[in-house]
């Protein structure tokens, strides 16, 4: 799935611009949970039965709220990636 497809998928059922602060606070909460999973060393790609509380699950949750916020603020993350890569290539001589 492309990032733009993920953004569109999330927007279909979870789009509430009037609650932008809520989405941001959820992002921060998920980053905290990711930190806990990293500290606990719950890495690797789990199957469905073992997903809960893993780094994989928390990374997805962070990505979910990043996409939700991008939708609210009308940001195309794929396009932003392309633009940022141009800047980073110049900045880091890549």
Protein backbone atom coordinates (compact mmCIF):
# COMPACT_ATOMS: atom_id res chain seq x y z
CA UNK A 1 0.00 0.00 0.00
CA UNK A 2 1.31 3.43 -0.92
CA UNK A 3 1.38 6.17 1.68
CA UNK A 4 -1.23 8.15 -0.29
CA UNK A 5 -3.48 5.08 -0.26
CA UNK A 6 -3.06 4.75 3.49
CA UNK A 7 -3.94 8.42 3.93
CA UNK A 8 -7.05 7.98 1.79
CA UNK A 9 -8.04 4.81 3.64
CA UNK A 10 -7.78 6.52 7.03
CA UNK A 11 -9.64 9.61 5.81
CA UNK A 12 -12.60 7.46 4.69
CA UNK A 13 -13.53 6.57 8.27
CA UNK A 14 -11.54 8.89 10.54
CA UNK A 15 -11.57 12.53 9.55
CA UNK A 16 -12.59 15.18 12.06
CA UNK A 17 -10.77 18.48 11.45
CA UNK A 18 -12.54 20.02 14.42
CA UNK A 19 -10.62 17.59 16.65
CA UNK A 20 -7.10 18.25 15.36
CA UNK A 21 -5.79 18.68 18.90
CA UNK A 22 -7.15 15.23 19.81
CA UNK A 23 -5.25 13.63 16.91
CA UNK A 24 -2.05 15.36 17.99
CA UNK A 25 -2.45 14.22 21.59
CA UNK A 26 -3.10 10.66 20.39
CA UNK A 27 0.10 10.85 18.34
CA UNK A 28 2.08 11.86 21.41
CA UNK A 29 0.45 9.04 23.41
CA UNK A 30 1.40 6.51 20.73
CA UNK A 31 4.99 7.79 20.61
CA UNK A 32 5.15 7.13 24.36
CA UNK A 33 3.83 3.61 23.86
CA UNK A 34 6.40 3.08 21.11
CA UNK A 35 9.14 4.14 23.52
CA UNK A 36 7.90 1.57 26.04
CA UNK A 37 7.89 -1.18 23.40
CA UNK A 38 11.41 -0.27 22.30
CA UNK A 39 12.61 -0.29 25.90
CA UNK A 40 11.04 -3.72 26.36
CA UNK A 41 12.74 -4.99 23.19
CA UNK A 42 9.53 -6.14 21.52
CA UNK A 43 10.92 -5.98 17.98
CA UNK A 44 10.48 -8.02 14.85
CA UNK A 45 7.45 -8.65 12.69
CA UNK A 46 4.87 -10.46 14.83
CA UNK A 47 1.87 -12.38 13.62
CA UNK A 48 -1.66 -11.31 14.58
CA UNK A 49 -1.70 -13.28 17.81
CA UNK A 50 1.51 -11.61 19.07
CA UNK A 51 0.97 -8.06 17.70
CA UNK A 52 -0.32 -6.37 20.87
CA UNK A 53 2.25 -4.10 22.52
CA UNK A 54 5.00 -4.67 19.98
CA UNK A 55 7.19 -2.12 18.27
CA UNK A 56 5.43 -3.04 15.02
CA UNK A 57 1.99 -2.23 16.45
CA UNK A 58 3.13 1.04 18.00
CA UNK A 59 4.94 2.13 14.83
CA UNK A 60 1.71 1.60 12.91
CA UNK A 61 -0.25 3.59 15.49
CA UNK A 62 2.23 6.48 15.16
CA UNK A 63 1.96 6.28 11.37
CA UNK A 64 -1.83 6.24 11.62
CA UNK A 65 -1.97 9.50 13.57
CA UNK A 66 0.67 11.11 11.34
CA UNK A 67 -1.56 10.30 8.37
CA UNK A 68 -4.68 11.52 10.16
CA UNK A 69 -2.99 14.84 10.97
CA UNK A 70 -1.72 15.14 7.39
CA UNK A 71 -5.29 14.68 6.20
CA UNK A 72 -6.61 17.36 8.54
CA UNK A 73 -3.96 19.86 7.42
CA UNK A 74 -4.27 18.89 3.73
CA UNK A 75 -0.72 17.57 3.45
CA UNK A 76 0.15 14.97 0.83
CA UNK A 77 2.88 12.98 2.57
CA UNK A 78 4.14 11.38 -0.65
CA UNK A 79 4.59 14.80 -2.29
CA UNK A 80 6.20 16.15 0.88
CA UNK A 81 8.60 13.19 0.86
CA UNK A 82 9.63 14.02 -2.70
CA UNK A 83 10.24 17.67 -1.83
CA UNK A 84 12.09 16.86 1.37
CA UNK A 85 14.34 14.37 -0.44
CA UNK A 86 15.48 17.15 -2.78
CA UNK A 87 16.38 19.32 0.22
CA UNK A 88 18.09 16.44 2.06
CA UNK A 89 20.16 15.49 -0.98
CA UNK A 90 21.55 19.00 -1.10
CA UNK A 91 21.97 19.30 2.66
CA UNK A 92 23.63 15.91 3.22
CA UNK A 93 25.36 15.51 -0.18
CA UNK A 94 23.46 12.30 -0.94
